[in-house]
Amino acid sequence: MDHSSADGIAPAPLLARHEGEAELRSTASFRGDPFGPQTLLWRLRVRVES
């Protein structure tokens, strides 16, 4: 899924069918600091329990 947003929000529809854990990852380009990282890694850990 490729979505871009200027305000830092991106849709990510999910459907959990069973219990378990998952990690969603996304990278975003960042050019605000010429001496900093060129990309940022975003992670969201999800745990589904019944």
Protein backbone atom coordinates (compact mmCIF):
# COMPACT_ATOMS: atom_id res chain seq x y z
CA MET A 1 0.00 0.00 0.00
CA ASP A 2 1.49 3.33 -1.02
CA HIS A 3 -0.07 6.44 0.49
CA SER A 4 1.45 9.87 1.02
CA SER A 5 0.24 12.59 3.33
CA ALA A 6 1.65 16.01 4.19
CA ASP A 7 0.21 15.92 7.72
CA GLY A 8 1.83 12.60 8.72
CA ILE A 9 -1.32 10.49 8.53
CA ALA A 10 -1.67 7.46 6.26
CA PRO A 11 -4.58 5.01 6.14
CA ALA A 12 -3.86 1.35 6.90
CA PRO A 13 -7.01 -0.80 6.98
CA LEU A 14 -6.48 -4.07 8.86
CA LEU A 15 -8.53 -7.19 9.49
CA ALA A 16 -7.64 -9.54 12.36
CA ARG A 17 -8.96 -13.08 11.87
CA HIS A 18 -7.06 -14.77 14.70
CA GLU A 19 -5.21 -13.96 17.90
CA GLY A 20 -1.57 -13.07 17.50
CA GLU A 21 0.97 -10.31 17.11
CA ALA A 22 2.09 -8.29 14.11
CA GLU A 23 4.37 -5.38 13.35
CA LEU A 24 3.50 -2.88 10.64
CA ARG A 25 6.41 -0.92 9.15
CA SER A 26 6.59 2.05 6.87
CA THR A 27 9.38 4.33 5.69
CA ALA A 28 8.96 8.01 4.95
CA SER A 29 11.29 10.40 3.13
CA PHE A 30 12.66 13.26 5.24
CA ARG A 31 14.70 16.10 3.79
CA GLY A 32 14.26 18.71 6.55
CA ASP A 33 17.75 18.20 8.03
CA PRO A 34 20.64 17.95 5.52
CA PHE A 35 22.79 16.21 8.17
CA GLY A 36 20.08 13.87 9.47
CA PRO A 37 18.60 10.64 8.17
CA GLN A 38 17.14 10.66 4.68
CA THR A 39 14.36 8.27 5.63
CA LEU A 40 12.39 7.60 8.80
CA LEU A 41 11.17 4.16 9.86
CA TRP A 42 7.76 4.00 11.53
CA ARG A 43 6.68 0.88 13.41
CA LEU A 44 3.37 -0.10 14.97
CA ARG A 45 3.13 -3.28 17.01
CA VAL A 46 -0.33 -4.84 17.23
CA ARG A 47 -1.53 -7.60 19.55
CA VAL A 48 -4.93 -9.23 19.00
CA GLU A 49 -6.49 -11.03 21.97
CA SER A 50 -9.92 -12.51 22.50
